[in-house]
Amino acid sequence: MFRRSKSEAPSSDPGTGVDDASAGKKGRPTPSRKEAEAAARARAKVPRTRKELAAAQRLQRSESSSKMRQAMKTGDEKYLPARDRGPVKKFIRDFVDSRFSFVELMIPVLLVTTVMAWSGNSTLASYGNAILFGMLLLIIVDTLRLRSRLRKEIARRFPEAPLKGMTYYAVMRSLQMKFMRLPKSQVRIGQRLPEHYR
């Protein structure tokens, strides 16, 4: 009496073509071994403990520092520190590096004046002091000229750029020996600079 008739047997839905027996299946293909291994590797990379998180952060900082050191040598804008990034800073570095600076003569002058001071001759020592004092005056005058010319060039090339901090950046760079400057110089002394830096 309660038996199901043959007409009530499970049938497929004519609209979807999926029968009742297969309705409970997941409805997506089984991932290949390659996909499963890739997913497992991705899950393994996610740090689960505080120790793993600290190790991942140390590795990330190490990679970032390595890229930054390399950028300091090559001038790659992407990995430079924020204080050295941007077209204005790039122009300032090139402007300073393309000029001859009297600070380049400071080491030879210091050596000569030191020898003169230790010679035991008071006349030579006084000459050495005069040469050193004159060298310091030349560096101050050269720095003031650099500041004046640079402000004009920035105003002409980058009219919307703020001047605050820019001349300080240039002066600090100009007071270093060229081989000690970071980021490394990318131009030669006397080289003509491009008109556009954007």
Protein backbone atom coordinates (compact mmCIF):
# COMPACT_ATOMS: atom_id res chain seq x y z
CA MET A 1 0.00 0.00 0.00
CA PHE A 2 2.82 2.39 0.87
CA ARG A 3 5.17 1.16 -1.79
CA ARG A 4 6.48 3.71 -4.21
CA SER A 5 5.40 3.14 -7.72
CA LYS A 6 7.81 3.08 -10.62
CA SER A 7 6.55 6.47 -11.72
CA GLU A 8 7.80 7.99 -8.42
CA ALA A 9 11.41 6.84 -8.93
CA PRO A 10 14.12 9.55 -8.66
CA SER A 11 14.19 11.62 -11.76
CA SER A 12 16.33 14.41 -13.06
CA ASP A 13 15.24 17.99 -13.10
CA PRO A 14 14.41 18.76 -16.71
CA GLY A 15 15.52 22.37 -16.25
CA THR A 16 18.99 21.64 -14.98
CA GLY A 17 19.75 18.16 -16.21
CA VAL A 18 20.96 17.21 -12.69
CA ASP A 19 19.33 14.22 -11.04
CA ASP A 20 18.51 14.01 -7.35
CA ALA A 21 21.34 11.53 -6.68
CA SER A 22 24.01 13.91 -7.86
CA ALA A 23 22.49 17.03 -6.30
CA GLY A 24 24.59 16.62 -3.15
CA LYS A 25 27.94 16.57 -5.00
CA LYS A 26 30.40 19.53 -4.74
CA GLY A 27 29.75 20.81 -8.29
CA ARG A 28 33.43 21.66 -9.10
CA PRO A 29 36.29 19.65 -10.58
CA THR A 30 38.85 18.04 -8.29
CA PRO A 31 42.04 20.17 -8.28
CA SER A 32 45.06 18.71 -10.02
CA ARG A 33 48.14 17.69 -8.05
CA LYS A 34 49.97 20.83 -9.22
CA GLU A 35 47.16 23.09 -7.99
CA ALA A 36 46.92 21.22 -4.67
CA GLU A 37 50.69 21.51 -4.09
CA ALA A 38 50.61 25.23 -4.91
CA ALA A 39 47.76 25.75 -2.45
CA ALA A 40 49.65 23.80 0.23
CA ARG A 41 52.78 25.90 -0.32
CA ALA A 42 50.73 29.10 -0.05
CA ARG A 43 49.22 27.89 3.23
CA ALA A 44 52.68 26.97 4.53
CA LYS A 45 53.97 30.50 3.85
CA VAL A 46 51.35 32.09 6.10
CA PRO A 47 52.90 32.45 9.60
CA ARG A 48 50.80 30.72 12.25
CA THR A 49 52.73 31.50 15.45
CA ARG A 50 54.33 34.63 16.84
CA LYS A 51 57.79 33.14 16.25
CA GLU A 52 57.05 32.45 12.58
CA LEU A 53 55.60 35.97 12.20
CA ALA A 54 58.75 37.54 13.71
CA ALA A 55 60.98 35.45 11.41
CA ALA A 56 58.93 36.49 8.35
CA GLN A 57 59.20 40.16 9.36
CA ARG A 58 62.98 39.87 9.84
CA LEU A 59 63.32 38.30 6.39
CA GLN A 60 61.21 41.05 4.85
CA ARG A 61 63.30 43.78 6.54
CA SER A 62 66.51 42.11 5.38
CA GLU A 63 65.30 41.96 1.77
CA SER A 64 64.13 45.58 1.94
CA SER A 65 67.51 46.73 3.33
CA SER A 66 69.38 44.81 0.64
CA LYS A 67 67.29 46.42 -2.10
CA MET A 68 67.81 49.86 -0.54
CA ARG A 69 71.60 49.41 -0.38
CA GLN A 70 71.64 48.38 -4.02
CA ALA A 71 69.47 51.37 -4.95
CA MET A 72 71.95 53.68 -3.20
CA LYS A 73 74.57 52.48 -5.68
CA THR A 74 72.43 52.40 -8.82
CA GLY A 75 70.02 55.29 -8.12
CA ASP A 76 66.94 53.08 -8.62
CA GLU A 77 64.07 55.37 -7.52
CA LYS A 78 61.79 52.48 -6.57
CA TYR A 79 63.86 51.36 -3.57
CA LEU A 80 65.46 54.64 -2.46
CA PRO A 81 64.59 56.01 0.99
CA ALA A 82 61.75 58.56 1.04
CA ARG A 83 64.16 61.47 1.67
CA ASP A 84 65.98 60.73 -1.65
CA ARG A 85 62.96 59.93 -3.80
CA GLY A 86 61.34 62.05 -6.48
CA PRO A 87 62.35 64.07 -9.55
CA VAL A 88 63.29 67.19 -7.56
CA LYS A 89 65.71 65.29 -5.32
CA LYS A 90 67.15 63.52 -8.36
CA PHE A 91 67.76 66.88 -10.05
CA ILE A 92 69.38 68.30 -6.89
CA ARG A 93 71.78 65.37 -6.69
CA ASP A 94 72.72 65.70 -10.35
CA PHE A 95 73.08 69.48 -10.04
CA VAL A 96 75.45 69.16 -7.07
CA ASP A 97 77.42 66.27 -8.59
CA SER A 98 77.91 68.01 -11.93
CA ARG A 99 79.72 70.94 -10.28
CA PHE A 100 83.29 71.11 -9.05
CA SER A 101 83.22 71.74 -5.31
CA PHE A 102 86.13 73.17 -3.34
CA VAL A 103 85.45 70.64 -0.61
CA GLU A 104 87.09 68.10 -2.94
CA LEU A 105 90.41 69.82 -2.20
CA MET A 106 89.95 69.71 1.56
CA ILE A 107 91.82 66.45 2.22
CA PRO A 108 94.98 67.45 0.28
CA VAL A 109 94.91 70.92 1.89
CA LEU A 110 94.53 69.40 5.36
CA LEU A 111 97.50 67.09 4.72
CA VAL A 112 99.70 69.97 3.53
CA THR A 113 98.75 72.31 6.37
CA THR A 114 99.26 69.55 8.95
CA VAL A 115 102.79 68.93 7.65
CA MET A 116 103.45 72.68 7.73
CA ALA A 117 102.14 72.96 11.29
CA TRP A 118 104.33 70.07 12.49
CA SER A 119 107.43 71.25 10.66
CA GLY A 120 108.68 73.19 13.68
CA ASN A 121 108.95 76.35 11.59
CA SER A 122 106.63 79.08 12.91
CA THR A 123 106.54 80.84 9.52
CA LEU A 124 105.43 77.67 7.72
CA ALA A 125 102.86 77.00 10.44
CA SER A 126 101.36 80.48 10.05
CA TYR A 127 101.24 80.01 6.27
CA GLY A 128 99.48 76.68 6.80
CA ASN A 129 96.88 78.31 9.03
CA ALA A 130 96.31 81.05 6.44
CA ILE A 131 95.87 78.46 3.65
CA LEU A 132 93.40 76.48 5.78
CA PHE A 133 91.43 79.61 6.67
CA GLY A 134 91.34 80.69 3.01
CA MET A 135 90.12 77.21 2.02
CA LEU A 136 87.26 77.41 4.52
CA LEU A 137 86.27 80.83 3.14
CA LEU A 138 86.26 79.43 -0.41
CA ILE A 139 84.00 76.55 0.65
CA ILE A 140 81.55 78.95 2.35
CA VAL A 141 81.40 81.24 -0.71
CA ASP A 142 81.01 78.25 -3.05
CA THR A 143 78.18 76.87 -0.91
CA LEU A 144 76.33 80.21 -0.96
CA ARG A 145 76.66 80.38 -4.75
CA LEU A 146 75.39 76.81 -5.03
CA ARG A 147 72.35 77.66 -2.89
CA SER A 148 71.50 80.75 -4.93
CA ARG A 149 71.82 79.05 -8.33
CA LEU A 150 69.98 75.93 -7.20
CA ARG A 151 66.96 77.89 -5.93
CA LYS A 152 66.67 79.61 -9.31
CA GLU A 153 66.92 76.32 -11.20
CA ILE A 154 64.31 74.62 -9.01
CA ALA A 155 61.93 77.57 -9.40
CA ARG A 156 62.39 77.39 -13.19
CA ARG A 157 62.15 73.61 -13.63
CA PHE A 158 59.71 72.77 -10.81
CA PRO A 159 57.61 75.90 -10.22
CA GLU A 160 55.13 74.08 -7.96
CA ALA A 161 57.75 72.31 -5.82
CA PRO A 162 58.28 73.66 -2.28
CA LEU A 163 61.78 74.97 -1.59
CA LYS A 164 61.70 74.08 2.09
CA GLY A 165 64.47 71.60 2.89
CA MET A 166 65.72 71.43 -0.69
CA THR A 167 68.71 73.75 -0.30
CA TYR A 168 69.69 72.04 2.97
CA TYR A 169 69.63 68.70 1.11
CA ALA A 170 71.90 70.15 -1.59
CA VAL A 171 74.31 71.83 0.85
CA MET A 172 74.74 68.68 2.95
CA ARG A 173 75.50 66.70 -0.21
CA SER A 174 77.94 69.32 -1.52
CA LEU A 175 79.92 69.25 1.74
CA GLN A 176 80.77 65.56 1.24
CA MET A 177 83.53 64.20 -0.95
CA LYS A 178 82.06 62.96 -4.21
CA PHE A 179 83.10 59.35 -3.63
CA MET A 180 81.36 59.39 -0.21
CA ARG A 181 77.99 60.68 -1.43
CA LEU A 182 74.92 58.46 -1.17
CA PRO A 183 73.04 57.79 -3.38
CA LYS A 184 76.09 57.43 -5.60
CA SER A 185 76.73 60.13 -8.19
CA GLN A 186 75.25 59.32 -11.60
CA VAL A 187 76.80 62.26 -13.54
CA ARG A 188 80.29 63.54 -14.27
CA ILE A 189 81.63 66.98 -13.34
CA GLY A 190 80.69 69.41 -16.11
CA GLN A 191 78.06 67.08 -17.63
CA ARG A 192 75.03 68.81 -19.14
CA LEU A 193 71.85 67.93 -17.28
CA PRO A 194 68.56 67.00 -19.00
CA GLU A 195 65.91 69.70 -19.08
CA HIS A 196 63.10 67.50 -17.75
CA TYR A 197 63.18 65.21 -14.74
CA ARG A 198 59.56 64.08 -14.56
